[in-house]
Amino acid sequence: MDVQISAITEKLKNLGCSNETFCAVAGISPAQLSRAQRGLTVISGPESLRLSEIVRALREIQEAAKP
């Protein structure tokens, strides 16, 4: 698994966000993310950076929603 995808996967786990939900928000196919997580395909640098930014935004939303 690509280092960037590995980091995204770990952050999603920490957020309690499923792959399916993340894919819906990010506009990526669940199958494409799954293949990248299993090391069967590579998500390009710009695309993985975009996905990382979405994870960062989700984390910020979660933090802002805390009481």
N, C-alpha and C. Protein backbone atom coordinates (compact mmCIF):
# COMPACT_ATOMS: atom_id res chain seq x y z
N MET A 1 0.85 -1.18 0.00
CA MET A 1 0.00 0.00 0.00
C MET A 1 0.89 1.23 0.00
N ASP A 2 0.52 2.17 -0.81
CA ASP A 2 1.19 3.46 -0.91
C ASP A 2 1.18 4.16 0.46
N VAL A 3 2.25 4.88 0.77
CA VAL A 3 2.37 5.56 2.06
C VAL A 3 1.24 6.56 2.27
N GLN A 4 0.92 7.31 1.23
CA GLN A 4 -0.14 8.32 1.33
C GLN A 4 -1.50 7.65 1.58
N ILE A 5 -1.78 6.57 0.85
CA ILE A 5 -3.05 5.86 1.04
C ILE A 5 -3.09 5.22 2.41
N SER A 6 -1.96 4.72 2.88
CA SER A 6 -1.88 4.15 4.22
C SER A 6 -2.22 5.20 5.27
N ALA A 7 -1.69 6.40 5.11
CA ALA A 7 -1.98 7.49 6.05
C ALA A 7 -3.45 7.88 5.99
N ILE A 8 -4.01 7.94 4.80
CA ILE A 8 -5.43 8.27 4.65
C ILE A 8 -6.28 7.22 5.34
N THR A 9 -5.95 5.95 5.13
CA THR A 9 -6.71 4.85 5.73
C THR A 9 -6.67 4.94 7.25
N GLU A 10 -5.50 5.20 7.81
CA GLU A 10 -5.35 5.32 9.27
C GLU A 10 -6.15 6.50 9.81
N LYS A 11 -6.10 7.62 9.11
CA LYS A 11 -6.84 8.81 9.56
C LYS A 11 -8.34 8.58 9.49
N LEU A 12 -8.80 7.88 8.46
CA LEU A 12 -10.23 7.57 8.36
C LEU A 12 -10.66 6.69 9.52
N LYS A 13 -9.81 5.73 9.86
CA LYS A 13 -10.11 4.84 10.98
C LYS A 13 -10.22 5.66 12.27
N ASN A 14 -9.28 6.59 12.48
CA ASN A 14 -9.30 7.44 13.67
C ASN A 14 -10.53 8.34 13.72
N LEU A 15 -11.00 8.75 12.55
CA LEU A 15 -12.20 9.60 12.48
C LEU A 15 -13.49 8.79 12.67
N GLY A 16 -13.38 7.47 12.51
CA GLY A 16 -14.59 6.63 12.55
C GLY A 16 -15.38 6.75 11.26
N CYS A 17 -14.70 7.04 10.18
CA CYS A 17 -15.34 7.24 8.88
C CYS A 17 -15.12 6.00 8.02
N SER A 18 -16.19 5.43 7.53
CA SER A 18 -16.07 4.24 6.68
C SER A 18 -15.53 4.62 5.30
N ASN A 19 -14.96 3.64 4.64
CA ASN A 19 -14.49 3.86 3.27
C ASN A 19 -15.64 4.31 2.38
N GLU A 20 -16.80 3.71 2.56
CA GLU A 20 -17.95 4.03 1.72
C GLU A 20 -18.36 5.49 1.88
N THR A 21 -18.41 5.95 3.12
CA THR A 21 -18.77 7.35 3.37
C THR A 21 -17.72 8.29 2.79
N PHE A 22 -16.45 7.97 3.04
CA PHE A 22 -15.37 8.80 2.51
C PHE A 22 -15.44 8.87 0.99
N CYS A 23 -15.66 7.73 0.35
CA CYS A 23 -15.71 7.70 -1.11
C CYS A 23 -16.86 8.55 -1.64
N ALA A 24 -17.99 8.51 -0.95
CA ALA A 24 -19.13 9.33 -1.37
C ALA A 24 -18.79 10.81 -1.27
N VAL A 25 -18.13 11.20 -0.19
CA VAL A 25 -17.76 12.60 0.02
C VAL A 25 -16.68 13.02 -0.98
N ALA A 26 -15.72 12.13 -1.20
CA ALA A 26 -14.56 12.46 -2.04
C ALA A 26 -14.81 12.28 -3.53
N GLY A 27 -15.90 11.61 -3.88
CA GLY A 27 -16.18 11.39 -5.30
C GLY A 27 -15.25 10.38 -5.94
N ILE A 28 -14.86 9.37 -5.18
CA ILE A 28 -13.98 8.32 -5.69
C ILE A 28 -14.72 6.99 -5.56
N SER A 29 -14.45 6.10 -6.44
CA SER A 29 -15.07 4.79 -6.42
C SER A 29 -14.57 3.98 -5.22
N PRO A 30 -15.48 3.37 -4.46
CA PRO A 30 -15.04 2.51 -3.36
C PRO A 30 -14.11 1.39 -3.84
N ALA A 31 -14.37 0.88 -5.03
CA ALA A 31 -13.51 -0.17 -5.58
C ALA A 31 -12.11 0.35 -5.84
N GLN A 32 -11.99 1.59 -6.34
CA GLN A 32 -10.68 2.17 -6.60
C GLN A 32 -9.90 2.36 -5.31
N LEU A 33 -10.56 2.85 -4.26
CA LEU A 33 -9.88 3.03 -2.98
C LEU A 33 -9.48 1.68 -2.41
N SER A 34 -10.36 0.71 -2.48
CA SER A 34 -10.06 -0.62 -1.97
C SER A 34 -8.85 -1.23 -2.68
N ARG A 35 -8.81 -1.10 -4.00
CA ARG A 35 -7.67 -1.63 -4.75
C ARG A 35 -6.36 -0.94 -4.35
N ALA A 36 -6.43 0.37 -4.12
CA ALA A 36 -5.23 1.10 -3.69
C ALA A 36 -4.81 0.66 -2.28
N GLN A 37 -5.76 0.44 -1.41
CA GLN A 37 -5.45 0.00 -0.05
C GLN A 37 -4.81 -1.39 -0.05
N ARG A 38 -5.15 -2.21 -1.02
CA ARG A 38 -4.58 -3.55 -1.12
C ARG A 38 -3.32 -3.59 -1.97
N GLY A 39 -2.90 -2.43 -2.47
CA GLY A 39 -1.68 -2.36 -3.26
C GLY A 39 -1.82 -2.87 -4.67
N LEU A 40 -3.06 -2.99 -5.16
CA LEU A 40 -3.30 -3.50 -6.50
C LEU A 40 -3.25 -2.41 -7.56
N THR A 41 -3.41 -1.18 -7.13
CA THR A 41 -3.37 -0.05 -8.04
C THR A 41 -2.78 1.15 -7.30
N VAL A 42 -2.38 2.14 -8.03
CA VAL A 42 -1.80 3.34 -7.42
C VAL A 42 -2.72 4.52 -7.73
N ILE A 43 -2.97 5.32 -6.72
CA ILE A 43 -3.70 6.57 -6.93
C ILE A 43 -2.65 7.64 -7.12
N SER A 44 -2.77 8.41 -8.18
CA SER A 44 -1.75 9.39 -8.57
C SER A 44 -1.47 10.39 -7.45
N GLY A 45 -0.30 10.98 -7.52
CA GLY A 45 0.12 11.98 -6.54
C GLY A 45 -0.89 13.09 -6.33
N PRO A 46 -1.33 13.76 -7.40
CA PRO A 46 -2.30 14.85 -7.22
C PRO A 46 -3.63 14.35 -6.63
N GLU A 47 -4.06 13.17 -7.04
CA GLU A 47 -5.31 12.62 -6.52
C GLU A 47 -5.16 12.24 -5.06
N SER A 48 -4.04 11.65 -4.69
CA SER A 48 -3.85 11.28 -3.28
C SER A 48 -3.73 12.52 -2.41
N LEU A 49 -3.13 13.58 -2.93
CA LEU A 49 -3.08 14.84 -2.19
C LEU A 49 -4.48 15.43 -1.99
N ARG A 50 -5.30 15.34 -3.03
CA ARG A 50 -6.69 15.82 -2.93
C ARG A 50 -7.44 15.03 -1.87
N LEU A 51 -7.25 13.72 -1.86
CA LEU A 51 -7.92 12.88 -0.87
C LEU A 51 -7.43 13.21 0.54
N SER A 52 -6.15 13.48 0.69
CA SER A 52 -5.60 13.86 1.99
C SER A 52 -6.21 15.17 2.48
N GLU A 53 -6.41 16.10 1.57
CA GLU A 53 -7.04 17.37 1.93
C GLU A 53 -8.48 17.17 2.39
N ILE A 54 -9.17 16.25 1.76
CA ILE A 54 -10.56 15.97 2.17
C ILE A 54 -10.57 15.36 3.57
N VAL A 55 -9.65 14.46 3.84
CA VAL A 55 -9.55 13.87 5.19
C VAL A 55 -9.26 14.97 6.21
N ARG A 56 -8.36 15.89 5.87
CA ARG A 56 -8.04 16.99 6.77
C ARG A 56 -9.28 17.84 7.05
N ALA A 57 -10.05 18.11 6.01
CA ALA A 57 -11.27 18.90 6.17
C ALA A 57 -12.28 18.16 7.05
N LEU A 58 -12.41 16.85 6.87
CA LEU A 58 -13.32 16.07 7.70
C LEU A 58 -12.89 16.12 9.17
N ARG A 59 -11.58 16.04 9.40
CA ARG A 59 -11.06 16.11 10.77
C ARG A 59 -11.38 17.48 11.38
N GLU A 60 -11.23 18.54 10.60
CA GLU A 60 -11.54 19.88 11.09
C GLU A 60 -13.02 20.02 11.43
N ILE A 61 -13.87 19.45 10.60
CA ILE A 61 -15.31 19.49 10.86
C ILE A 61 -15.62 18.75 12.15
N GLN A 62 -15.02 17.58 12.31
CA GLN A 62 -15.25 16.79 13.51
C GLN A 62 -14.80 17.54 14.76
N GLU A 63 -13.63 18.18 14.68
CA GLU A 63 -13.13 18.96 15.81
C GLU A 63 -14.04 20.15 16.13
N ALA A 64 -14.51 20.82 15.09
CA ALA A 64 -15.38 21.99 15.29
C ALA A 64 -16.73 21.61 15.89
N ALA A 65 -17.16 20.38 15.66
CA ALA A 65 -18.46 19.92 16.14
C ALA A 65 -18.42 19.43 17.59
N LYS A 66 -17.21 19.29 18.14
CA LYS A 66 -17.11 18.84 19.55
C LYS A 66 -17.67 19.90 20.46
N PRO A 67 -18.34 19.45 21.51
CA PRO A 67 -18.91 20.42 22.48
C PRO A 67 -17.84 21.17 23.24
